[in-house]
Amino acid sequence: MSYLNALTDNKSKVDLTDRFTYHAPTAKGVAVHGELSAMFTELAAFIVTKVPPGREQSLALTKLEEGKFWASAGVARNPQTR
């Protein structure tokens, strides 16, 4: 049984398929991903430099990783950069 085919709402099918499909980046997308990586890495270094080691620093870096993930997903899912 295909659960995707069992969905009656076509918008849901399209949305789920888009969310879980690999989107190869265009040259523009690769450039934006590189910029994101550089900026997030710079902020991570700032956090490690300014925030004492411990739970708070660790959580700040984890949330920064999550932010990088979602920013990258936004670029990957954008039709202009894939």
PDB file of N, CA and C in Angstrom:
ATOM      1  N   MET A   1       0.836  -1.181   0.000  1.00  0.00           N
ATOM      2  CA  MET A   1       0.000   0.000   0.000  1.00  0.00           C
ATOM      3  C   MET A   1       0.884   1.248   0.000  1.00  0.00           C
ATOM      4  N   SER A   2       0.565   2.203  -0.823  1.00  0.00           N
ATOM      5  CA  SER A   2       1.282   3.475  -0.847  1.00  0.00           C
ATOM      6  C   SER A   2       0.504   4.488  -0.010  1.00  0.00           C
ATOM      7  N   TYR A   3       1.123   4.927   1.066  1.00  0.00           N
ATOM      8  CA  TYR A   3       0.470   5.922   1.917  1.00  0.00           C
ATOM      9  C   TYR A   3       0.352   7.256   1.188  1.00  0.00           C
ATOM     10  N   LEU A   4       1.335   7.540   0.332  1.00  0.00           N
ATOM     11  CA  LEU A   4       1.271   8.776  -0.437  1.00  0.00           C
ATOM     12  C   LEU A   4       0.065   8.762  -1.362  1.00  0.00           C
ATOM     13  N   ASN A   5      -0.159   7.648  -2.032  1.00  0.00           N
ATOM     14  CA  ASN A   5      -1.316   7.546  -2.920  1.00  0.00           C
ATOM     15  C   ASN A   5      -2.637   7.529  -2.159  1.00  0.00           C
ATOM     16  N   ALA A   6      -2.580   7.155  -0.887  1.00  0.00           N
ATOM     17  CA  ALA A   6      -3.801   7.114  -0.078  1.00  0.00           C
ATOM     18  C   ALA A   6      -4.265   8.513   0.328  1.00  0.00           C
ATOM     19  N   LEU A   7      -3.370   9.492   0.224  1.00  0.00           N
ATOM     20  CA  LEU A   7      -3.768  10.857   0.563  1.00  0.00           C
ATOM     21  C   LEU A   7      -4.753  11.380  -0.471  1.00  0.00           C
ATOM     22  N   THR A   8      -5.801  12.011   0.000  1.00  0.00           N
ATOM     23  CA  THR A   8      -6.812  12.537  -0.921  1.00  0.00           C
ATOM     24  C   THR A   8      -6.544  13.979  -1.323  1.00  0.00           C
ATOM     25  N   ASP A   9      -5.758  14.677  -0.533  1.00  0.00           N
ATOM     26  CA  ASP A   9      -5.450  16.075  -0.805  1.00  0.00           C
ATOM     27  C   ASP A   9      -4.194  16.150  -1.675  1.00  0.00           C
ATOM     28  N   ASN A  10      -4.342  16.549  -2.915  1.00  0.00           N
ATOM     29  CA  ASN A  10      -3.211  16.606  -3.840  1.00  0.00           C
ATOM     30  C   ASN A  10      -2.142  17.585  -3.371  1.00  0.00           C
ATOM     31  N   LYS A  11      -2.551  18.683  -2.726  1.00  0.00           N
ATOM     32  CA  LYS A  11      -1.585  19.653  -2.214  1.00  0.00           C
ATOM     33  C   LYS A  11      -0.666  18.988  -1.186  1.00  0.00           C
ATOM     34  N   SER A  12      -1.210  18.121  -0.347  1.00  0.00           N
ATOM     35  CA  SER A  12      -0.399  17.396   0.632  1.00  0.00           C
ATOM     36  C   SER A  12       0.593  16.476  -0.062  1.00  0.00           C
ATOM     37  N   LYS A  13       0.159  15.804  -1.104  1.00  0.00           N
ATOM     38  CA  LYS A  13       1.056  14.914  -1.854  1.00  0.00           C
ATOM     39  C   LYS A  13       2.223  15.696  -2.440  1.00  0.00           C
ATOM     40  N   VAL A  14       1.914  16.821  -3.058  1.00  0.00           N
ATOM     41  CA  VAL A  14       2.950  17.648  -3.678  1.00  0.00           C
ATOM     42  C   VAL A  14       3.900  18.180  -2.611  1.00  0.00           C
ATOM     43  N   ASP A  15       3.356  18.674  -1.503  1.00  0.00           N
ATOM     44  CA  ASP A  15       4.159  19.235  -0.429  1.00  0.00           C
ATOM     45  C   ASP A  15       5.090  18.178   0.165  1.00  0.00           C
ATOM     46  N   LEU A  16       4.563  17.015   0.488  1.00  0.00           N
ATOM     47  CA  LEU A  16       5.383  15.965   1.089  1.00  0.00           C
ATOM     48  C   LEU A  16       6.451  15.469   0.121  1.00  0.00           C
ATOM     49  N   THR A  17       6.085  15.324  -1.131  1.00  0.00           N
ATOM     50  CA  THR A  17       7.060  14.881  -2.126  1.00  0.00           C
ATOM     51  C   THR A  17       8.183  15.897  -2.237  1.00  0.00           C
ATOM     52  N   ASP A  18       7.842  17.180  -2.256  1.00  0.00           N
ATOM     53  CA  ASP A  18       8.858  18.222  -2.360  1.00  0.00           C
ATOM     54  C   ASP A  18       9.749  18.260  -1.127  1.00  0.00           C
ATOM     55  N   ARG A  19       9.174  18.086   0.047  1.00  0.00           N
ATOM     56  CA  ARG A  19       9.956  18.135   1.285  1.00  0.00           C
ATOM     57  C   ARG A  19      10.996  17.023   1.370  1.00  0.00           C
ATOM     58  N   PHE A  20      10.663  15.852   0.853  1.00  0.00           N
ATOM     59  CA  PHE A  20      11.533  14.693   1.045  1.00  0.00           C
ATOM     60  C   PHE A  20      12.257  14.253  -0.216  1.00  0.00           C
ATOM     61  N   THR A  21      12.308  15.118  -1.207  1.00  0.00           N
ATOM     62  CA  THR A  21      13.029  14.833  -2.438  1.00  0.00           C
ATOM     63  C   THR A  21      14.333  15.611  -2.431  1.00  0.00           C
ATOM     64  N   TYR A  22      15.379  14.989  -2.937  1.00  0.00           N
ATOM     65  CA  TYR A  22      16.663  15.683  -3.044  1.00  0.00           C
ATOM     66  C   TYR A  22      16.562  16.745  -4.127  1.00  0.00           C
ATOM     67  N   HIS A  23      17.050  17.934  -3.819  1.00  0.00           N
ATOM     68  CA  HIS A  23      17.040  19.030  -4.767  1.00  0.00           C
ATOM     69  C   HIS A  23      18.489  19.422  -5.060  1.00  0.00           C
ATOM     70  N   ALA A  24      18.988  19.017  -6.205  1.00  0.00           N
ATOM     71  CA  ALA A  24      20.364  19.360  -6.577  1.00  0.00           C
ATOM     72  C   ALA A  24      20.463  20.870  -6.782  1.00  0.00           C
ATOM     73  N   PRO A  25      21.443  21.513  -6.173  1.00  0.00           N
ATOM     74  CA  PRO A  25      21.534  22.968  -6.296  1.00  0.00           C
ATOM     75  C   PRO A  25      22.084  23.402  -7.655  1.00  0.00           C
ATOM     76  N   THR A  26      21.641  24.556  -8.087  1.00  0.00           N
ATOM     77  CA  THR A  26      22.212  25.196  -9.267  1.00  0.00           C
ATOM     78  C   THR A  26      23.527  25.841  -8.833  1.00  0.00           C
ATOM     79  N   ALA A  27      24.240  26.433  -9.767  1.00  0.00           N
ATOM     80  CA  ALA A  27      25.478  27.143  -9.421  1.00  0.00           C
ATOM     81  C   ALA A  27      25.179  28.252  -8.413  1.00  0.00           C
ATOM     82  N   LYS A  28      24.050  28.942  -8.597  1.00  0.00           N
ATOM     83  CA  LYS A  28      23.645  29.994  -7.648  1.00  0.00           C
ATOM     84  C   LYS A  28      23.393  29.394  -6.262  1.00  0.00           C
ATOM     85  N   GLY A  29      22.724  28.233  -6.228  1.00  0.00           N
ATOM     86  CA  GLY A  29      22.454  27.573  -4.956  1.00  0.00           C
ATOM     87  C   GLY A  29      23.724  27.159  -4.245  1.00  0.00           C
ATOM     88  N   VAL A  30      24.694  26.635  -5.003  1.00  0.00           N
ATOM     89  CA  VAL A  30      25.980  26.245  -4.412  1.00  0.00           C
ATOM     90  C   VAL A  30      26.654  27.460  -3.790  1.00  0.00           C
ATOM     91  N   ALA A  31      26.593  28.584  -4.489  1.00  0.00           N
ATOM     92  CA  ALA A  31      27.201  29.810  -3.971  1.00  0.00           C
ATOM     93  C   ALA A  31      26.524  30.254  -2.675  1.00  0.00           C
ATOM     94  N   VAL A  32      25.209  30.216  -2.643  1.00  0.00           N
ATOM     95  CA  VAL A  32      24.474  30.634  -1.439  1.00  0.00           C
ATOM     96  C   VAL A  32      24.771  29.679  -0.282  1.00  0.00           C
ATOM     97  N   HIS A  33      24.815  28.370  -0.558  1.00  0.00           N
ATOM     98  CA  HIS A  33      25.157  27.405   0.497  1.00  0.00           C
ATOM     99  C   HIS A  33      26.547  27.702   1.056  1.00  0.00           C
ATOM    100  N   GLY A  34      27.475  28.056   0.186  1.00  0.00           N
ATOM    101  CA  GLY A  34      28.823  28.402   0.640  1.00  0.00           C
ATOM    102  C   GLY A  34      28.830  29.635   1.520  1.00  0.00           C
ATOM    103  N   GLU A  35      28.055  30.639   1.130  1.00  0.00           N
ATOM    104  CA  GLU A  35      27.950  31.858   1.944  1.00  0.00           C
ATOM    105  C   GLU A  35      27.336  31.549   3.306  1.00  0.00           C
ATOM    106  N   LEU A  36      26.283  30.742   3.304  1.00  0.00           N
ATOM    107  CA  LEU A  36      25.655  30.361   4.576  1.00  0.00           C
ATOM    108  C   LEU A  36      26.664  29.653   5.477  1.00  0.00           C
ATOM    109  N   SER A  37      27.388  28.709   4.917  1.00  0.00           N
ATOM    110  CA  SER A  37      28.377  27.967   5.705  1.00  0.00           C
ATOM    111  C   SER A  37      29.407  28.902   6.311  1.00  0.00           C
ATOM    112  N   ALA A  38      29.902  29.835   5.515  1.00  0.00           N
ATOM    113  CA  ALA A  38      30.916  30.774   6.013  1.00  0.00           C
ATOM    114  C   ALA A  38      30.366  31.636   7.144  1.00  0.00           C
ATOM    115  N   MET A  39      29.150  32.150   6.980  1.00  0.00           N
ATOM    116  CA  MET A  39      28.567  33.027   8.001  1.00  0.00           C
ATOM    117  C   MET A  39      28.250  32.264   9.285  1.00  0.00           C
ATOM    118  N   PHE A  40      27.679  31.069   9.141  1.00  0.00           N
ATOM    119  CA  PHE A  40      27.359  30.280  10.330  1.00  0.00           C
ATOM    120  C   PHE A  40      28.638  29.845  11.050  1.00  0.00           C
ATOM    121  N   THR A  41      29.674  29.510  10.298  1.00  0.00           N
ATOM    122  CA  THR A  41      30.948  29.118  10.908  1.00  0.00           C
ATOM    123  C   THR A  41      31.551  30.291  11.671  1.00  0.00           C
ATOM    124  N   GLU A  42      31.462  31.483  11.090  1.00  0.00           N
ATOM    125  CA  GLU A  42      31.979  32.679  11.762  1.00  0.00           C
ATOM    126  C   GLU A  42      31.227  32.938  13.070  1.00  0.00           C
ATOM    127  N   LEU A  43      29.914  32.808  13.041  1.00  0.00           N
ATOM    128  CA  LEU A  43      29.134  33.005  14.261  1.00  0.00           C
ATOM    129  C   LEU A  43      29.441  31.919  15.286  1.00  0.00           C
ATOM    130  N   ALA A  44      29.624  30.689  14.827  1.00  0.00           N
ATOM    131  CA  ALA A  44      29.980  29.600  15.750  1.00  0.00           C
ATOM    132  C   ALA A  44      31.315  29.893  16.428  1.00  0.00           C
ATOM    133  N   ALA A  45      32.276  30.382  15.665  1.00  0.00           N
ATOM    134  CA  ALA A  45      33.576  30.720  16.245  1.00  0.00           C
ATOM    135  C   ALA A  45      33.435  31.855  17.266  1.00  0.00           C
ATOM    136  N   PHE A  46      32.587  32.829  16.954  1.00  0.00           N
ATOM    137  CA  PHE A  46      32.332  33.920  17.895  1.00  0.00           C
ATOM    138  C   PHE A  46      31.754  33.374  19.199  1.00  0.00           C
ATOM    139  N   ILE A  47      30.791  32.476  19.092  1.00  0.00           N
ATOM    140  CA  ILE A  47      30.168  31.882  20.281  1.00  0.00           C
ATOM    141  C   ILE A  47      31.205  31.130  21.105  1.00  0.00           C
ATOM    142  N   VAL A  48      32.026  30.315  20.451  1.00  0.00           N
ATOM    143  CA  VAL A  48      33.044  29.544  21.175  1.00  0.00           C
ATOM    144  C   VAL A  48      34.052  30.485  21.845  1.00  0.00           C
ATOM    145  N   THR A  49      34.345  31.611  21.199  1.00  0.00           N
ATOM    146  CA  THR A  49      35.291  32.581  21.748  1.00  0.00           C
ATOM    147  C   THR A  49      34.710  33.355  22.935  1.00  0.00           C
ATOM    148  N   LYS A  50      33.431  33.691  22.874  1.00  0.00           N
ATOM    149  CA  LYS A  50      32.833  34.589  23.864  1.00  0.00           C
ATOM    150  C   LYS A  50      32.020  33.902  24.969  1.00  0.00           C
ATOM    151  N   VAL A  51      31.515  32.712  24.694  1.00  0.00           N
ATOM    152  CA  VAL A  51      30.667  32.018  25.677  1.00  0.00           C
ATOM    153  C   VAL A  51      31.494  30.921  26.340  1.00  0.00           C
ATOM    154  N   PRO A  52      31.550  30.927  27.669  1.00  0.00           N
ATOM    155  CA  PRO A  52      32.335  29.895  28.357  1.00  0.00           C
ATOM    156  C   PRO A  52      31.839  28.488  28.011  1.00  0.00           C
ATOM    157  N   PRO A  53      32.769  27.515  27.956  1.00  0.00           N
ATOM    158  CA  PRO A  53      32.353  26.138  27.690  1.00  0.00           C
ATOM    159  C   PRO A  53      31.326  25.677  28.721  1.00  0.00           C
ATOM    160  N   GLY A  54      30.390  24.902  28.266  1.00  0.00           N
ATOM    161  CA  GLY A  54      29.361  24.387  29.155  1.00  0.00           C
ATOM    162  C   GLY A  54      28.072  24.147  28.397  1.00  0.00           C
ATOM    163  N   ARG A  55      27.049  23.896  29.151  1.00  0.00           N
ATOM    164  CA  ARG A  55      25.754  23.568  28.576  1.00  0.00           C
ATOM    165  C   ARG A  55      25.234  24.670  27.657  1.00  0.00           C
ATOM    166  N   GLU A  56      25.372  25.921  28.097  1.00  0.00           N
ATOM    167  CA  GLU A  56      24.842  27.041  27.327  1.00  0.00           C
ATOM    168  C   GLU A  56      25.538  27.169  25.980  1.00  0.00           C
ATOM    169  N   GLN A  57      26.871  27.054  25.980  1.00  0.00           N
ATOM    170  CA  GLN A  57      27.602  27.109  24.722  1.00  0.00           C
ATOM    171  C   GLN A  57      27.192  25.954  23.811  1.00  0.00           C
ATOM    172  N   SER A  58      27.092  24.793  24.392  1.00  0.00           N
ATOM    173  CA  SER A  58      26.702  23.609  23.621  1.00  0.00           C
ATOM    174  C   SER A  58      25.326  23.773  22.993  1.00  0.00           C
ATOM    175  N   LEU A  59      24.375  24.281  23.776  1.00  0.00           N
ATOM    176  CA  LEU A  59      23.026  24.496  23.240  1.00  0.00           C
ATOM    177  C   LEU A  59      23.017  25.585  22.174  1.00  0.00           C
ATOM    178  N   ALA A  60      23.794  26.635  22.385  1.00  0.00           N
ATOM    179  CA  ALA A  60      23.867  27.700  21.384  1.00  0.00           C
ATOM    180  C   ALA A  60      24.393  27.149  20.060  1.00  0.00           C
ATOM    181  N   LEU A  61      25.418  26.308  20.116  1.00  0.00           N
ATOM    182  CA  LEU A  61      25.969  25.715  18.895  1.00  0.00           C
ATOM    183  C   LEU A  61      24.982  24.737  18.246  1.00  0.00           C
ATOM    184  N   THR A  62      24.263  23.995  19.081  1.00  0.00           N
ATOM    185  CA  THR A  62      23.250  23.076  18.536  1.00  0.00           C
ATOM    186  C   THR A  62      22.156  23.855  17.811  1.00  0.00           C
ATOM    187  N   LYS A  63      21.685  24.930  18.425  1.00  0.00           N
ATOM    188  CA  LYS A  63      20.639  25.737  17.786  1.00  0.00           C
ATOM    189  C   LYS A  63      21.168  26.402  16.523  1.00  0.00           C
ATOM    190  N   LEU A  64      22.431  26.777  16.532  1.00  0.00           N
ATOM    191  CA  LEU A  64      23.037  27.350  15.335  1.00  0.00           C
ATOM    192  C   LEU A  64      23.081  26.309  14.211  1.00  0.00           C
ATOM    193  N   GLU A  65      23.418  25.073  14.553  1.00  0.00           N
ATOM    194  CA  GLU A  65      23.382  23.988  13.563  1.00  0.00           C
ATOM    195  C   GLU A  65      21.973  23.810  12.997  1.00  0.00           C
ATOM    196  N   GLU A  66      20.986  23.877  13.885  1.00  0.00           N
ATOM    197  CA  GLU A  66      19.598  23.765  13.423  1.00  0.00           C
ATOM    198  C   GLU A  66      19.244  24.917  12.488  1.00  0.00           C
ATOM    199  N   GLY A  67      19.674  26.108  12.838  1.00  0.00           N
ATOM    200  CA  GLY A  67      19.427  27.266  11.981  1.00  0.00           C
ATOM    201  C   GLY A  67      20.078  27.096  10.620  1.00  0.00           C
ATOM    202  N   LYS A  68      21.299  26.582  10.600  1.00  0.00           N
ATOM    203  CA  LYS A  68      22.002  26.331   9.335  1.00  0.00           C
ATOM    204  C   LYS A  68      21.244  25.298   8.513  1.00  0.00           C
ATOM    205  N   PHE A  69      20.765  24.267   9.166  1.00  0.00           N
ATOM    206  CA  PHE A  69      19.998  23.232   8.476  1.00  0.00           C
ATOM    207  C   PHE A  69      18.774  23.835   7.791  1.00  0.00           C
ATOM    208  N   TRP A  70      18.003  24.613   8.534  1.00  0.00           N
ATOM    209  CA  TRP A  70      16.770  25.175   7.975  1.00  0.00           C
ATOM    210  C   TRP A  70      17.062  26.216   6.907  1.00  0.00           C
ATOM    211  N   ALA A  71      18.101  27.006   7.100  1.00  0.00           N
ATOM    212  CA  ALA A  71      18.475  27.973   6.061  1.00  0.00           C
ATOM    213  C   ALA A  71      18.878  27.245   4.782  1.00  0.00           C
ATOM    214  N   SER A  72      19.654  26.180   4.919  1.00  0.00           N
ATOM    215  CA  SER A  72      20.058  25.388   3.749  1.00  0.00           C
ATOM    216  C   SER A  72      18.864  24.731   3.083  1.00  0.00           C
ATOM    217  N   ALA A  73      17.926  24.244   3.886  1.00  0.00           N
ATOM    218  CA  ALA A  73      16.713  23.646   3.323  1.00  0.00           C
ATOM    219  C   ALA A  73      15.919  24.683   2.541  1.00  0.00           C
ATOM    220  N   GLY A  74      15.869  25.899   3.051  1.00  0.00           N
ATOM    221  CA  GLY A  74      15.161  26.965   2.344  1.00  0.00           C
ATOM    222  C   GLY A  74      15.783  27.254   0.990  1.00  0.00           C
ATOM    223  N   VAL A  75      17.096  27.240   0.925  1.00  0.00           N
ATOM    224  CA  VAL A  75      17.787  27.453  -0.344  1.00  0.00           C
ATOM    225  C   VAL A  75      17.558  26.253  -1.265  1.00  0.00           C
ATOM    226  N   ALA A  76      17.673  25.052  -0.712  1.00  0.00           N
ATOM    227  CA  ALA A  76      17.527  23.834  -1.521  1.00  0.00           C
ATOM    228  C   ALA A  76      16.125  23.698  -2.100  1.00  0.00           C
ATOM    229  N   ARG A  77      15.128  24.140  -1.372  1.00  0.00           N
ATOM    230  CA  ARG A  77      13.751  23.991  -1.820  1.00  0.00           C
ATOM    231  C   ARG A  77      13.272  25.144  -2.702  1.00  0.00           C
ATOM    232  N   ASN A  78      14.069  26.186  -2.820  1.00  0.00           N
ATOM    233  CA  ASN A  78      13.699  27.347  -3.628  1.00  0.00           C
ATOM    234  C   ASN A  78      13.907  27.025  -5.106  1.00  0.00           C
ATOM    235  N   PRO A  79      12.872  27.142  -5.930  1.00  0.00           N
ATOM    236  CA  PRO A  79      13.021  26.822  -7.350  1.00  0.00           C
ATOM    237  C   PRO A  79      14.115  27.628  -8.065  1.00  0.00           C
ATOM    238  N   GLN A  80      14.461  28.808  -7.559  1.00  0.00           N
ATOM    239  CA  GLN A  80      15.490  29.628  -8.203  1.00  0.00           C
ATOM    240  C   GLN A  80      16.905  29.161  -7.918  1.00  0.00           C
ATOM    241  N   THR A  81      17.082  28.314  -6.902  1.00  0.00           N
ATOM    242  CA  THR A  81      18.430  27.850  -6.542  1.00  0.00           C
ATOM    243  C   THR A  81      18.579  26.337  -6.599  1.00  0.00           C
ATOM    244  N   ARG A  82      17.625  25.679  -7.262  1.00  0.00           N
ATOM    245  CA  ARG A  82      17.777  24.233  -7.440  1.00  0.00           C
ATOM    246  C   ARG A  82      17.648  23.855  -8.878  1.00  0.00           C
TER     247      ARG A  82
END
